[in-house]
Amino acid sequence: AIADCSSSGKLIYRLLHRQGAMRVTEIVGELYLSENTVRSALDDLREADVVVERPVASDARRRQYILLETLETDDPPAQRYLTHTHS
């Protein structure tokens, strides 16, 4: 799925793989991409079932993005989240 993504999507994938869950503003600051570019790439990654969007634990109004593979392997509580969102 990653092979078909844009170069921005591949950069974001590598960043999330290295850093874990991040908000859009954090990705923008880290990669120096425009917010529109980041949001578009994240949409593509979500459509490819590579990333998921979830609330930030400390503030449910804010959203963060995390690799689906990370949720499936490293975060047991995420199993409940995945069950509810991907059923």
PDB file of N, CA and C in Angstrom:
ATOM      1  N   ALA A   1       0.824  -1.194   0.000  1.00  0.00           N
ATOM      2  CA  ALA A   1       0.000   0.000   0.000  1.00  0.00           C
ATOM      3  C   ALA A   1       0.869   1.259   0.000  1.00  0.00           C
ATOM      4  N   ILE A   2       2.012   1.187   0.667  1.00  0.00           N
ATOM      5  CA  ILE A   2       2.894   2.350   0.742  1.00  0.00           C
ATOM      6  C   ILE A   2       3.502   2.669  -0.618  1.00  0.00           C
ATOM      7  N   ALA A   3       3.778   1.663  -1.399  1.00  0.00           N
ATOM      8  CA  ALA A   3       4.413   1.872  -2.706  1.00  0.00           C
ATOM      9  C   ALA A   3       3.576   2.780  -3.601  1.00  0.00           C
ATOM     10  N   ASP A   4       2.261   2.773  -3.435  1.00  0.00           N
ATOM     11  CA  ASP A   4       1.371   3.577  -4.261  1.00  0.00           C
ATOM     12  C   ASP A   4       1.160   4.994  -3.721  1.00  0.00           C
ATOM     13  N   CYS A   5       1.706   5.287  -2.553  1.00  0.00           N
ATOM     14  CA  CYS A   5       1.510   6.601  -1.935  1.00  0.00           C
ATOM     15  C   CYS A   5       2.460   7.640  -2.523  1.00  0.00           C
ATOM     16  N   SER A   6       2.097   8.889  -2.322  1.00  0.00           N
ATOM     17  CA  SER A   6       2.939  10.009  -2.766  1.00  0.00           C
ATOM     18  C   SER A   6       4.229  10.032  -1.958  1.00  0.00           C
ATOM     19  N   SER A   7       5.176  10.830  -2.413  1.00  0.00           N
ATOM     20  CA  SER A   7       6.435  10.963  -1.664  1.00  0.00           C
ATOM     21  C   SER A   7       6.169  11.560  -0.282  1.00  0.00           C
ATOM     22  N   SER A   8       5.204  12.455  -0.186  1.00  0.00           N
ATOM     23  CA  SER A   8       4.840  13.019   1.117  1.00  0.00           C
ATOM     24  C   SER A   8       4.266  11.948   2.023  1.00  0.00           C
ATOM     25  N   GLY A   9       3.445  11.094   1.468  1.00  0.00           N
ATOM     26  CA  GLY A   9       2.882   9.986   2.243  1.00  0.00           C
ATOM     27  C   GLY A   9       3.966   9.050   2.754  1.00  0.00           C
ATOM     28  N   LYS A  10       4.958   8.786   1.928  1.00  0.00           N
ATOM     29  CA  LYS A  10       6.069   7.913   2.345  1.00  0.00           C
ATOM     30  C   LYS A  10       6.888   8.566   3.449  1.00  0.00           C
ATOM     31  N   LEU A  11       7.112   9.876   3.340  1.00  0.00           N
ATOM     32  CA  LEU A  11       7.831  10.598   4.396  1.00  0.00           C
ATOM     33  C   LEU A  11       7.068  10.534   5.722  1.00  0.00           C
ATOM     34  N   ILE A  12       5.775  10.756   5.655  1.00  0.00           N
ATOM     35  CA  ILE A  12       4.949  10.722   6.854  1.00  0.00           C
ATOM     36  C   ILE A  12       4.936   9.320   7.442  1.00  0.00           C
ATOM     37  N   TYR A  13       4.843   8.311   6.596  1.00  0.00           N
ATOM     38  CA  TYR A  13       4.878   6.925   7.077  1.00  0.00           C
ATOM     39  C   TYR A  13       6.168   6.668   7.860  1.00  0.00           C
ATOM     40  N   ARG A  14       7.299   7.062   7.291  1.00  0.00           N
ATOM     41  CA  ARG A  14       8.582   6.841   7.969  1.00  0.00           C
ATOM     42  C   ARG A  14       8.656   7.616   9.286  1.00  0.00           C
ATOM     43  N   LEU A  15       8.136   8.842   9.285  1.00  0.00           N
ATOM     44  CA  LEU A  15       8.133   9.644  10.504  1.00  0.00           C
ATOM     45  C   LEU A  15       7.284   8.984  11.590  1.00  0.00           C
ATOM     46  N   LEU A  16       6.082   8.560  11.249  1.00  0.00           N
ATOM     47  CA  LEU A  16       5.209   7.914  12.229  1.00  0.00           C
ATOM     48  C   LEU A  16       5.796   6.591  12.704  1.00  0.00           C
ATOM     49  N   HIS A  17       6.481   5.902  11.821  1.00  0.00           N
ATOM     50  CA  HIS A  17       7.130   4.648  12.195  1.00  0.00           C
ATOM     51  C   HIS A  17       8.214   4.912  13.247  1.00  0.00           C
ATOM     52  N   ARG A  18       8.925   5.994  13.078  1.00  0.00           N
ATOM     53  CA  ARG A  18      10.017   6.349  13.979  1.00  0.00           C
ATOM     54  C   ARG A  18       9.515   7.007  15.265  1.00  0.00           C
ATOM     55  N   GLN A  19       8.531   7.909  15.151  1.00  0.00           N
ATOM     56  CA  GLN A  19       8.110   8.728  16.294  1.00  0.00           C
ATOM     57  C   GLN A  19       6.871   8.217  17.023  1.00  0.00           C
ATOM     58  N   GLY A  20       6.059   7.418  16.364  1.00  0.00           N
ATOM     59  CA  GLY A  20       4.786   7.023  16.963  1.00  0.00           C
ATOM     60  C   GLY A  20       3.703   8.035  16.622  1.00  0.00           C
ATOM     61  N   ALA A  21       2.663   8.064  17.425  1.00  0.00           N
ATOM     62  CA  ALA A  21       1.502   8.920  17.159  1.00  0.00           C
ATOM     63  C   ALA A  21       1.894  10.396  17.155  1.00  0.00           C
ATOM     64  N   MET A  22       1.349  11.124  16.179  1.00  0.00           N
ATOM     65  CA  MET A  22       1.636  12.561  16.056  1.00  0.00           C
ATOM     66  C   MET A  22       0.393  13.297  15.562  1.00  0.00           C
ATOM     67  N   ARG A  23       0.316  14.577  15.944  1.00  0.00           N
ATOM     68  CA  ARG A  23      -0.734  15.450  15.427  1.00  0.00           C
ATOM     69  C   ARG A  23      -0.261  16.081  14.123  1.00  0.00           C
ATOM     70  N   VAL A  24      -1.204  16.610  13.349  1.00  0.00           N
ATOM     71  CA  VAL A  24      -0.883  17.244  12.068  1.00  0.00           C
ATOM     72  C   VAL A  24       0.144  18.352  12.254  1.00  0.00           C
ATOM     73  N   THR A  25      -0.059  19.199  13.256  1.00  0.00           N
ATOM     74  CA  THR A  25       0.864  20.316  13.464  1.00  0.00           C
ATOM     75  C   THR A  25       2.281  19.824  13.765  1.00  0.00           C
ATOM     76  N   GLU A  26       2.398  18.710  14.466  1.00  0.00           N
ATOM     77  CA  GLU A  26       3.718  18.150  14.761  1.00  0.00           C
ATOM     78  C   GLU A  26       4.384  17.626  13.491  1.00  0.00           C
ATOM     79  N   ILE A  27       3.591  16.987  12.630  1.00  0.00           N
ATOM     80  CA  ILE A  27       4.126  16.472  11.363  1.00  0.00           C
ATOM     81  C   ILE A  27       4.582  17.628  10.483  1.00  0.00           C
ATOM     82  N   VAL A  28       3.761  18.670  10.402  1.00  0.00           N
ATOM     83  CA  VAL A  28       4.110  19.859   9.619  1.00  0.00           C
ATOM     84  C   VAL A  28       5.433  20.436  10.111  1.00  0.00           C
ATOM     85  N   GLY A  29       5.580  20.582  11.416  1.00  0.00           N
ATOM     86  CA  GLY A  29       6.789  21.150  11.989  1.00  0.00           C
ATOM     87  C   GLY A  29       8.016  20.288  11.774  1.00  0.00           C
ATOM     88  N   GLU A  30       7.832  18.998  11.794  1.00  0.00           N
ATOM     89  CA  GLU A  30       8.961  18.075  11.646  1.00  0.00           C
ATOM     90  C   GLU A  30       9.433  17.962  10.195  1.00  0.00           C
ATOM     91  N   LEU A  31       8.487  17.935   9.256  1.00  0.00           N
ATOM     92  CA  LEU A  31       8.831  17.688   7.852  1.00  0.00           C
ATOM     93  C   LEU A  31       8.853  18.953   6.992  1.00  0.00           C
ATOM     94  N   TYR A  32       8.426  20.064   7.552  1.00  0.00           N
ATOM     95  CA  TYR A  32       8.391  21.328   6.802  1.00  0.00           C
ATOM     96  C   TYR A  32       7.544  21.226   5.537  1.00  0.00           C
ATOM     97  N   LEU A  33       6.446  20.515   5.649  1.00  0.00           N
ATOM     98  CA  LEU A  33       5.470  20.420   4.563  1.00  0.00           C
ATOM     99  C   LEU A  33       4.289  21.315   4.922  1.00  0.00           C
ATOM    100  N   SER A  34       3.521  21.722   3.926  1.00  0.00           N
ATOM    101  CA  SER A  34       2.334  22.529   4.218  1.00  0.00           C
ATOM    102  C   SER A  34       1.281  21.658   4.903  1.00  0.00           C
ATOM    103  N   GLU A  35       0.401  22.310   5.648  1.00  0.00           N
ATOM    104  CA  GLU A  35      -0.667  21.572   6.326  1.00  0.00           C
ATOM    105  C   GLU A  35      -1.561  20.854   5.315  1.00  0.00           C
ATOM    106  N   ASN A  36      -1.844  21.503   4.182  1.00  0.00           N
ATOM    107  CA  ASN A  36      -2.673  20.865   3.152  1.00  0.00           C
ATOM    108  C   ASN A  36      -2.007  19.606   2.608  1.00  0.00           C
ATOM    109  N   THR A  37      -0.692  19.659   2.385  1.00  0.00           N
ATOM    110  CA  THR A  37       0.042  18.497   1.880  1.00  0.00           C
ATOM    111  C   THR A  37      -0.018  17.359   2.887  1.00  0.00           C
ATOM    112  N   VAL A  38       0.181  17.684   4.164  1.00  0.00           N
ATOM    113  CA  VAL A  38       0.150  16.663   5.214  1.00  0.00           C
ATOM    114  C   VAL A  38      -1.240  16.052   5.316  1.00  0.00           C
ATOM    115  N   ARG A  39      -2.265  16.876   5.326  1.00  0.00           N
ATOM    116  CA  ARG A  39      -3.632  16.352   5.440  1.00  0.00           C
ATOM    117  C   ARG A  39      -3.994  15.473   4.232  1.00  0.00           C
ATOM    118  N   SER A  40      -3.591  15.886   3.053  1.00  0.00           N
ATOM    119  CA  SER A  40      -3.865  15.097   1.854  1.00  0.00           C
ATOM    120  C   SER A  40      -3.141  13.747   1.917  1.00  0.00           C
ATOM    121  N   ALA A  41      -1.874  13.767   2.326  1.00  0.00           N
ATOM    122  CA  ALA A  41      -1.111  12.523   2.431  1.00  0.00           C
ATOM    123  C   ALA A  41      -1.704  11.617   3.504  1.00  0.00           C
ATOM    124  N   LEU A  42      -2.134  12.192   4.624  1.00  0.00           N
ATOM    125  CA  LEU A  42      -2.765  11.386   5.675  1.00  0.00           C
ATOM    126  C   LEU A  42      -4.081  10.778   5.191  1.00  0.00           C
ATOM    127  N   ASP A  43      -4.842  11.525   4.412  1.00  0.00           N
ATOM    128  CA  ASP A  43      -6.076  10.971   3.826  1.00  0.00           C
ATOM    129  C   ASP A  43      -5.752   9.760   2.952  1.00  0.00           C
ATOM    130  N   ASP A  44      -4.713   9.891   2.137  1.00  0.00           N
ATOM    131  CA  ASP A  44      -4.302   8.762   1.286  1.00  0.00           C
ATOM    132  C   ASP A  44      -3.861   7.570   2.121  1.00  0.00           C
ATOM    133  N   LEU A  45      -3.103   7.825   3.180  1.00  0.00           N
ATOM    134  CA  LEU A  45      -2.632   6.739   4.051  1.00  0.00           C
ATOM    135  C   LEU A  45      -3.799   6.084   4.797  1.00  0.00           C
ATOM    136  N   ARG A  46      -4.800   6.881   5.171  1.00  0.00           N
ATOM    137  CA  ARG A  46      -5.992   6.303   5.825  1.00  0.00           C
ATOM    138  C   ARG A  46      -6.765   5.434   4.844  1.00  0.00           C
ATOM    139  N   GLU A  47      -6.937   5.922   3.620  1.00  0.00           N
ATOM    140  CA  GLU A  47      -7.660   5.145   2.608  1.00  0.00           C
ATOM    141  C   GLU A  47      -6.953   3.827   2.306  1.00  0.00           C
ATOM    142  N   ALA A  48      -5.637   3.824   2.421  1.00  0.00           N
ATOM    143  CA  ALA A  48      -4.846   2.610   2.180  1.00  0.00           C
ATOM    144  C   ALA A  48      -4.771   1.734   3.434  1.00  0.00           C
ATOM    145  N   ASP A  49      -5.491   2.115   4.504  1.00  0.00           N
ATOM    146  CA  ASP A  49      -5.480   1.390   5.778  1.00  0.00           C
ATOM    147  C   ASP A  49      -4.081   1.259   6.357  1.00  0.00           C
ATOM    148  N   VAL A  50      -3.318   2.343   6.265  1.00  0.00           N
ATOM    149  CA  VAL A  50      -1.966   2.367   6.815  1.00  0.00           C
ATOM    150  C   VAL A  50      -1.937   3.148   8.129  1.00  0.00           C
ATOM    151  N   VAL A  51      -2.712   4.230   8.222  1.00  0.00           N
ATOM    152  CA  VAL A  51      -2.788   5.006   9.458  1.00  0.00           C
ATOM    153  C   VAL A  51      -4.240   5.107   9.911  1.00  0.00           C
ATOM    154  N   VAL A  52      -4.390   5.360  11.200  1.00  0.00           N
ATOM    155  CA  VAL A  52      -5.712   5.640  11.756  1.00  0.00           C
ATOM    156  C   VAL A  52      -5.627   6.941  12.534  1.00  0.00           C
ATOM    157  N   GLU A  53      -6.748   7.587  12.643  1.00  0.00           N
ATOM    158  CA  GLU A  53      -6.871   8.813  13.408  1.00  0.00           C
ATOM    159  C   GLU A  53      -7.511   8.450  14.735  1.00  0.00           C
ATOM    160  N   ARG A  54      -6.999   9.032  15.824  1.00  0.00           N
ATOM    161  CA  ARG A  54      -7.587   8.766  17.133  1.00  0.00           C
ATOM    162  C   ARG A  54      -7.456  10.009  18.000  1.00  0.00           C
ATOM    163  N   PRO A  55      -8.258  10.091  19.070  1.00  0.00           N
ATOM    164  CA  PRO A  55      -8.148  11.248  19.950  1.00  0.00           C
ATOM    165  C   PRO A  55      -6.840  11.219  20.743  1.00  0.00           C
ATOM    166  N   VAL A  56      -6.333  12.402  21.066  1.00  0.00           N
ATOM    167  CA  VAL A  56      -5.177  12.521  21.942  1.00  0.00           C
ATOM    168  C   VAL A  56      -5.652  12.207  23.361  1.00  0.00           C
ATOM    169  N   ALA A  57      -4.914  11.383  24.072  1.00  0.00           N
ATOM    170  CA  ALA A  57      -5.339  10.935  25.404  1.00  0.00           C
ATOM    171  C   ALA A  57      -5.593  12.100  26.364  1.00  0.00           C
ATOM    172  N   SER A  58      -4.771  13.133  26.309  1.00  0.00           N
ATOM    173  CA  SER A  58      -4.904  14.248  27.243  1.00  0.00           C
ATOM    174  C   SER A  58      -5.965  15.268  26.838  1.00  0.00           C
ATOM    175  N   ASP A  59      -6.437  15.215  25.589  1.00  0.00           N
ATOM    176  CA  ASP A  59      -7.424  16.178  25.104  1.00  0.00           C
ATOM    177  C   ASP A  59      -8.177  15.557  23.929  1.00  0.00           C
ATOM    178  N   ALA A  60      -9.332  14.997  24.203  1.00  0.00           N
ATOM    179  CA  ALA A  60     -10.097  14.261  23.196  1.00  0.00           C
ATOM    180  C   ALA A  60     -10.545  15.139  22.026  1.00  0.00           C
ATOM    181  N   ARG A  61     -10.457  16.460  22.172  1.00  0.00           N
ATOM    182  CA  ARG A  61     -10.819  17.343  21.056  1.00  0.00           C
ATOM    183  C   ARG A  61      -9.744  17.344  19.979  1.00  0.00           C
ATOM    184  N   ARG A  62      -8.535  16.988  20.357  1.00  0.00           N
ATOM    185  CA  ARG A  62      -7.423  16.955  19.397  1.00  0.00           C
ATOM    186  C   ARG A  62      -7.274  15.558  18.828  1.00  0.00           C
ATOM    187  N   ARG A  63      -6.775  15.502  17.600  1.00  0.00           N
ATOM    188  CA  ARG A  63      -6.627  14.224  16.900  1.00  0.00           C
ATOM    189  C   ARG A  63      -5.154  13.966  16.626  1.00  0.00           C
ATOM    190  N   GLN A  64      -4.791  12.693  16.609  1.00  0.00           N
ATOM    191  CA  GLN A  64      -3.435  12.303  16.246  1.00  0.00           C
ATOM    192  C   GLN A  64      -3.522  11.123  15.291  1.00  0.00           C
ATOM    193  N   TYR A  65      -2.437  10.885  14.615  1.00  0.00           N
ATOM    194  CA  TYR A  65      -2.378   9.819  13.622  1.00  0.00           C
ATOM    195  C   TYR A  65      -1.304   8.827  14.044  1.00  0.00           C
ATOM    196  N   ILE A  66      -1.605   7.560  13.844  1.00  0.00           N
ATOM    197  CA  ILE A  66      -0.684   6.505  14.220  1.00  0.00           C
ATOM    198  C   ILE A  66      -0.764   5.403  13.180  1.00  0.00           C
ATOM    199  N   LEU A  67       0.333   4.711  12.959  1.00  0.00           N
ATOM    200  CA  LEU A  67       0.338   3.603  12.007  1.00  0.00           C
ATOM    201  C   LEU A  67      -0.533   2.473  12.532  1.00  0.00           C
ATOM    202  N   LEU A  68      -1.366   1.936  11.675  1.00  0.00           N
ATOM    203  CA  LEU A  68      -2.231   0.831  12.052  1.00  0.00           C
ATOM    204  C   LEU A  68      -1.402  -0.351  12.529  1.00  0.00           C
ATOM    205  N   GLU A  69      -0.276  -0.626  11.894  1.00  0.00           N
ATOM    206  CA  GLU A  69       0.566  -1.761  12.299  1.00  0.00           C
ATOM    207  C   GLU A  69       1.088  -1.573  13.723  1.00  0.00           C
ATOM    208  N   THR A  70       1.319  -0.344  14.145  1.00  0.00           N
ATOM    209  CA  THR A  70       1.768  -0.077  15.509  1.00  0.00           C
ATOM    210  C   THR A  70       0.661  -0.401  16.496  1.00  0.00           C
ATOM    211  N   LEU A  71      -0.554   0.001  16.170  1.00  0.00           N
ATOM    212  CA  LEU A  71      -1.683  -0.295  17.045  1.00  0.00           C
ATOM    213  C   LEU A  71      -1.883  -1.798  17.190  1.00  0.00           C
ATOM    214  N   GLU A  72      -1.726  -2.510  16.103  1.00  0.00           N
ATOM    215  CA  GLU A  72      -1.984  -3.950  16.126  1.00  0.00           C
ATOM    216  C   GLU A  72      -0.927  -4.715  16.904  1.00  0.00           C
ATOM    217  N   THR A  73       0.309  -4.207  16.961  1.00  0.00           N
ATOM    218  CA  THR A  73       1.379  -4.975  17.575  1.00  0.00           C
ATOM    219  C   THR A  73       1.835  -4.450  18.924  1.00  0.00           C
ATOM    220  N   ASP A  74       1.800  -3.149  19.145  1.00  0.00           N
ATOM    221  CA  ASP A  74       2.426  -2.579  20.332  1.00  0.00           C
ATOM    222  C   ASP A  74       1.478  -2.006  21.372  1.00  0.00           C
ATOM    223  N   ASP A  75       0.216  -1.991  21.123  1.00  0.00           N
ATOM    224  CA  ASP A  75      -0.693  -1.267  21.997  1.00  0.00           C
ATOM    225  C   ASP A  75      -1.938  -2.111  22.278  1.00  0.00           C
ATOM    226  N   PRO A  76      -1.872  -3.033  23.261  1.00  0.00           N
ATOM    227  CA  PRO A  76      -3.016  -3.910  23.521  1.00  0.00           C
ATOM    228  C   PRO A  76      -4.342  -3.187  23.725  1.00  0.00           C
ATOM    229  N   PRO A  77      -4.401  -2.034  24.443  1.00  0.00           N
ATOM    230  CA  PRO A  77      -5.694  -1.354  24.557  1.00  0.00           C
ATOM    231  C   PRO A  77      -6.252  -0.923  23.212  1.00  0.00           C
ATOM    232  N   ALA A  78      -5.391  -0.776  22.224  1.00  0.00           N
ATOM    233  CA  ALA A  78      -5.847  -0.366  20.898  1.00  0.00           C
ATOM    234  C   ALA A  78      -6.710  -1.434  20.254  1.00  0.00           C
ATOM    235  N   GLN A  79      -6.601  -2.659  20.701  1.00  0.00           N
ATOM    236  CA  GLN A  79      -7.437  -3.712  20.134  1.00  0.00           C
ATOM    237  C   GLN A  79      -8.917  -3.360  20.307  1.00  0.00           C
ATOM    238  N   ARG A  80      -9.271  -2.815  21.459  1.00  0.00           N
ATOM    239  CA  ARG A  80     -10.664  -2.392  21.670  1.00  0.00           C
ATOM    240  C   ARG A  80     -11.019  -1.264  20.706  1.00  0.00           C
ATOM    241  N   TYR A  81     -10.093  -0.319  20.528  1.00  0.00           N
ATOM    242  CA  TYR A  81     -10.312   0.799  19.610  1.00  0.00           C
ATOM    243  C   TYR A  81     -10.502   0.286  18.191  1.00  0.00           C
ATOM    244  N   LEU A  82      -9.634  -0.631  17.760  1.00  0.00           N
ATOM    245  CA  LEU A  82      -9.719  -1.160  16.407  1.00  0.00           C
ATOM    246  C   LEU A  82     -10.999  -1.945  16.208  1.00  0.00           C
ATOM    247  N   THR A  83     -11.403  -2.704  17.207  1.00  0.00           N
ATOM    248  CA  THR A  83     -12.639  -3.483  17.112  1.00  0.00           C
ATOM    249  C   THR A  83     -13.835  -2.577  16.883  1.00  0.00           C
ATOM    250  N   HIS A  84     -13.872  -1.432  17.581  1.00  0.00           N
ATOM    251  CA  HIS A  84     -14.996  -0.517  17.438  1.00  0.00           C
ATOM    252  C   HIS A  84     -14.975   0.282  16.151  1.00  0.00           C
ATOM    253  N   THR A  85     -13.789   0.583  15.636  1.00  0.00           N
ATOM    254  CA  THR A  85     -13.708   1.452  14.455  1.00  0.00           C
ATOM    255  C   THR A  85     -13.574   0.698  13.156  1.00  0.00           C
ATOM    256  N   HIS A  86     -13.135  -0.546  13.190  1.00  0.00           N
ATOM    257  CA  HIS A  86     -12.904  -1.301  11.962  1.00  0.00           C
ATOM    258  C   HIS A  86     -13.784  -2.545  11.859  1.00  0.00           C
ATOM    259  N   SER A  87     -14.942  -2.554  12.560  1.00  0.00           N
ATOM    260  CA  SER A  87     -15.815  -3.730  12.508  1.00  0.00           C
ATOM    261  C   SER A  87     -16.729  -3.689  11.308  1.00  0.00           C
TER     262      SER A  87
END
